[in-house]
N, C-alpha and C. Protein backbone atom coordinates (compact mmCIF):
# COMPACT_ATOMS: atom_id res chain seq x y z
N MET A 1 -177.55 28.09 51.50
CA MET A 1 -178.36 29.25 50.84
C MET A 1 -178.96 28.91 49.61
N ALA A 2 -180.49 29.50 49.53
CA ALA A 2 -181.35 29.02 48.65
C ALA A 2 -180.68 29.61 47.25
N LYS A 3 -181.09 28.71 46.22
CA LYS A 3 -180.52 29.10 44.93
C LYS A 3 -181.25 30.38 44.35
N ASN A 4 -182.60 30.64 44.84
CA ASN A 4 -183.11 31.72 44.57
C ASN A 4 -182.94 33.13 45.39
N GLY A 5 -182.07 33.29 46.11
CA GLY A 5 -181.98 34.32 47.30
C GLY A 5 -181.23 35.29 46.48
N PHE A 6 -181.45 36.40 46.93
CA PHE A 6 -180.53 37.64 46.49
C PHE A 6 -179.08 37.59 46.52
N LEU A 7 -178.41 37.05 47.23
CA LEU A 7 -177.03 37.00 47.26
C LEU A 7 -176.72 35.93 46.19
N SER A 8 -177.18 34.70 46.09
CA SER A 8 -176.89 33.62 45.12
C SER A 8 -177.39 33.82 43.74
N GLY A 9 -178.23 34.46 43.50
CA GLY A 9 -178.92 34.88 42.33
C GLY A 9 -177.98 35.44 41.09
N GLN A 10 -178.96 36.19 40.26
CA GLN A 10 -177.96 36.75 39.11
C GLN A 10 -178.01 38.47 39.61
N ILE A 11 -178.67 39.17 40.37
CA ILE A 11 -178.65 40.26 40.37
C ILE A 11 -177.24 40.87 40.81
N ILE A 12 -176.76 40.29 41.97
CA ILE A 12 -175.55 40.87 42.50
C ILE A 12 -173.95 40.61 41.41
N PRO A 13 -174.00 39.23 40.68
CA PRO A 13 -172.86 39.38 39.67
C PRO A 13 -173.25 40.50 38.50
N PHE A 14 -174.48 40.51 38.25
CA PHE A 14 -175.08 41.39 37.09
C PHE A 14 -174.55 42.74 37.55
N ALA A 15 -174.71 43.32 38.76
CA ALA A 15 -174.33 44.45 38.76
C ALA A 15 -172.85 44.81 39.14
N ILE A 16 -172.43 43.89 39.52
CA ILE A 16 -170.76 43.94 39.59
C ILE A 16 -170.07 43.98 38.24
N SER A 17 -170.81 43.28 37.27
CA SER A 17 -170.16 43.12 35.87
C SER A 17 -170.55 44.51 35.27
N LEU A 18 -171.83 45.16 35.63
CA LEU A 18 -172.28 46.49 35.01
C LEU A 18 -171.56 47.60 35.18
N LEU A 19 -170.95 47.62 36.37
CA LEU A 19 -170.27 48.52 37.37
C LEU A 19 -168.73 48.50 36.73
N ILE A 20 -168.22 47.51 36.47
CA ILE A 20 -166.61 47.10 35.95
C ILE A 20 -166.89 47.63 34.51
N PHE A 21 -168.16 47.31 33.75
CA PHE A 21 -168.13 47.55 32.37
C PHE A 21 -168.02 49.22 32.38
N LEU A 22 -168.74 49.70 33.29
CA LEU A 22 -168.63 51.69 33.05
C LEU A 22 -167.26 51.95 33.61
N VAL A 23 -166.60 51.18 34.21
CA VAL A 23 -165.12 51.59 34.76
C VAL A 23 -164.61 51.59 33.44
N VAL A 24 -164.27 50.45 32.88
CA VAL A 24 -163.84 50.28 31.60
C VAL A 24 -164.07 51.22 30.68
N LEU A 25 -165.23 51.47 30.26
CA LEU A 25 -165.73 52.18 29.52
C LEU A 25 -165.36 53.66 29.56
N LEU A 26 -165.48 54.19 30.71
CA LEU A 26 -165.19 55.42 30.98
C LEU A 26 -163.15 55.45 31.03
N SER A 27 -162.56 54.56 31.57
CA SER A 27 -161.22 54.53 31.23
C SER A 27 -160.84 54.92 29.92
N LEU A 28 -161.65 54.30 28.89
CA LEU A 28 -161.32 54.01 27.33
C LEU A 28 -161.77 55.61 26.91
N ILE A 29 -162.71 56.04 27.31
CA ILE A 29 -163.18 57.50 26.82
C ILE A 29 -162.01 58.46 27.31
N PHE A 30 -161.72 58.38 28.48
CA PHE A 30 -160.64 59.22 29.07
C PHE A 30 -159.46 59.29 28.38
N THR A 31 -159.41 58.07 27.91
CA THR A 31 -157.86 57.93 27.10
C THR A 31 -157.98 58.41 25.93
N ILE A 32 -159.13 58.30 25.35
CA ILE A 32 -159.24 59.09 23.77
C ILE A 32 -159.30 60.86 24.16
N VAL A 33 -159.94 61.25 25.18
CA VAL A 33 -160.03 62.49 25.24
C VAL A 33 -158.50 63.02 25.80
N GLY A 34 -157.84 62.46 26.43
CA GLY A 34 -156.51 62.79 26.76
C GLY A 34 -155.72 62.87 25.58
N GLY A 35 -156.00 62.01 24.53
CA GLY A 35 -155.07 61.95 23.29
C GLY A 35 -155.44 63.01 22.72
N ILE A 36 -156.55 63.04 22.59
CA ILE A 36 -157.21 64.36 21.84
C ILE A 36 -156.86 65.76 22.44
N MET A 37 -156.79 65.80 23.60
CA MET A 37 -155.98 67.03 24.41
C MET A 37 -154.60 67.18 24.13
N TYR A 38 -153.63 65.82 23.96
CA TYR A 38 -152.20 66.09 23.71
C TYR A 38 -151.92 66.43 22.43
N MET A 39 -152.91 65.99 21.22
CA MET A 39 -152.59 66.40 19.93
C MET A 39 -153.22 67.91 19.79
N THR A 40 -154.08 68.33 20.63
CA THR A 40 -154.56 69.70 20.42
C THR A 40 -153.72 70.85 21.25
N SER A 41 -152.59 70.22 21.84
CA SER A 41 -152.11 71.12 23.08
C SER A 41 -151.01 72.22 22.18
N GLY A 42 -150.68 72.10 21.21
CA GLY A 42 -149.96 72.69 20.28
C GLY A 42 -148.80 73.32 21.03
N GLY A 43 -147.86 72.63 21.76
CA GLY A 43 -146.38 72.86 22.03
C GLY A 43 -146.50 73.46 23.59
N ASN A 44 -147.98 73.46 23.92
CA ASN A 44 -148.48 74.05 25.20
C ASN A 44 -148.01 73.11 26.32
N LYS A 45 -146.67 73.52 26.98
CA LYS A 45 -146.34 72.45 28.19
C LYS A 45 -147.47 72.27 29.17
N GLU A 46 -148.24 73.22 29.54
CA GLU A 46 -149.01 72.92 30.91
C GLU A 46 -150.13 71.89 30.02
N GLY A 47 -150.82 72.36 29.00
CA GLY A 47 -151.63 71.44 28.08
C GLY A 47 -151.02 70.10 27.92
N ALA A 48 -150.06 69.83 27.60
CA ALA A 48 -149.40 68.69 27.24
C ALA A 48 -149.42 67.61 28.54
N ALA A 49 -148.77 68.57 29.65
CA ALA A 49 -148.99 67.66 31.31
C ALA A 49 -150.35 67.22 31.51
N LYS A 50 -151.28 68.15 31.18
CA LYS A 50 -152.44 67.99 31.72
C LYS A 50 -152.96 66.76 30.80
N ALA A 51 -152.91 66.66 29.62
CA ALA A 51 -153.20 65.68 29.02
C ALA A 51 -152.66 64.12 29.22
N LYS A 52 -151.18 64.34 29.52
CA LYS A 52 -150.14 63.12 29.96
C LYS A 52 -151.15 62.65 31.42
N ASN A 53 -151.27 63.50 32.40
CA ASN A 53 -152.05 63.02 33.49
C ASN A 53 -153.11 62.44 33.16
N THR A 54 -154.09 62.96 32.19
CA THR A 54 -155.27 62.36 32.21
C THR A 54 -155.35 61.00 31.41
N ILE A 55 -154.25 60.88 30.53
CA ILE A 55 -154.03 59.63 30.08
C ILE A 55 -153.48 58.43 30.95
N THR A 56 -152.48 59.09 31.80
CA THR A 56 -152.24 57.96 32.99
C THR A 56 -153.34 57.77 33.80
N TYR A 57 -154.03 58.58 34.30
CA TYR A 57 -155.20 58.22 35.36
C TYR A 57 -156.16 57.39 34.34
N ALA A 58 -156.35 57.21 33.31
CA ALA A 58 -157.31 56.62 32.45
C ALA A 58 -156.62 55.41 32.53
N LEU A 59 -155.66 55.12 32.05
CA LEU A 59 -154.80 53.72 31.74
C LEU A 59 -154.75 52.94 33.37
N VAL A 60 -154.48 53.64 34.48
CA VAL A 60 -154.57 53.07 35.97
C VAL A 60 -156.01 52.79 36.01
N GLY A 61 -156.73 53.55 35.80
CA GLY A 61 -158.29 52.99 35.90
C GLY A 61 -158.88 51.97 35.27
N LEU A 62 -158.14 51.95 34.00
CA LEU A 62 -158.23 50.70 33.08
C LEU A 62 -157.89 49.28 33.76
N ALA A 63 -156.38 49.58 34.25
CA ALA A 63 -155.78 48.51 34.97
C ALA A 63 -156.66 48.05 36.18
N VAL A 64 -157.27 49.12 37.04
CA VAL A 64 -158.03 48.63 38.01
C VAL A 64 -159.32 47.96 37.85
N GLY A 65 -159.98 48.41 36.69
CA GLY A 65 -161.23 47.86 36.16
C GLY A 65 -161.08 46.47 35.88
N LEU A 66 -160.09 46.10 35.10
CA LEU A 66 -159.69 44.54 34.66
C LEU A 66 -159.17 43.88 35.79
N GLY A 67 -158.47 44.09 36.66
CA GLY A 67 -158.19 43.56 38.06
C GLY A 67 -159.30 43.32 38.85
N ALA A 68 -159.97 44.08 38.85
CA ALA A 68 -161.30 44.06 39.66
C ALA A 68 -162.31 43.02 38.95
N PHE A 69 -162.65 43.10 37.75
CA PHE A 69 -163.23 41.93 36.86
C PHE A 69 -162.34 40.48 37.16
N LEU A 70 -161.21 40.35 37.07
CA LEU A 70 -160.49 39.28 37.00
C LEU A 70 -160.84 38.68 38.62
N ILE A 71 -160.62 39.56 39.67
CA ILE A 71 -161.04 39.01 41.20
C ILE A 71 -162.38 38.77 41.09
N SER A 72 -163.29 39.53 40.90
CA SER A 72 -164.50 39.02 40.94
C SER A 72 -165.01 37.71 40.07
N LYS A 73 -164.49 37.64 38.97
CA LYS A 73 -164.86 36.30 38.50
C LYS A 73 -164.14 35.27 39.07
N ILE A 74 -162.95 35.39 39.54
CA ILE A 74 -162.34 34.21 40.28
C ILE A 74 -163.38 34.07 41.85
N LEU A 75 -163.63 35.06 42.27
CA LEU A 75 -164.47 35.02 43.68
C LEU A 75 -165.95 34.36 43.12
N PHE A 76 -166.49 34.48 42.14
CA PHE A 76 -167.76 33.85 41.99
C PHE A 76 -167.73 32.40 41.64
N THR A 77 -166.49 32.23 40.79
CA THR A 77 -166.14 30.76 40.87
C THR A 77 -165.92 30.09 42.04
N PHE A 78 -165.48 30.77 43.07
CA PHE A 78 -164.99 29.98 44.04
C PHE A 78 -166.63 29.81 44.99
N LEU A 79 -167.33 31.00 44.81
CA LEU A 79 -168.65 31.08 45.71
C LEU A 79 -169.77 30.17 44.88
N GLY A 80 -169.53 29.77 43.91
CA GLY A 80 -170.34 29.10 42.66
C GLY A 80 -171.66 29.88 42.17
N MET A 81 -170.93 31.22 42.16
CA MET A 81 -172.50 32.25 41.64
C MET A 81 -172.21 32.42 40.23
């Protein structure tokens, strides 16, 4: 495959890195939002449960984003991108 081709160039790795960055950024934002929701729940059990779910899902998203980052880096290394 040509070095200047679309698949072997810098466009695909950059796009994947950008998407992974956005996933990690959104996960961190939702973790902060969940923490604020938890602090302001004021003893309301439903509000606290919703906040805990938000934090849990944000951390799972963060783990998935970091896992995708590692897998993509390994793939790019093996494919020479």
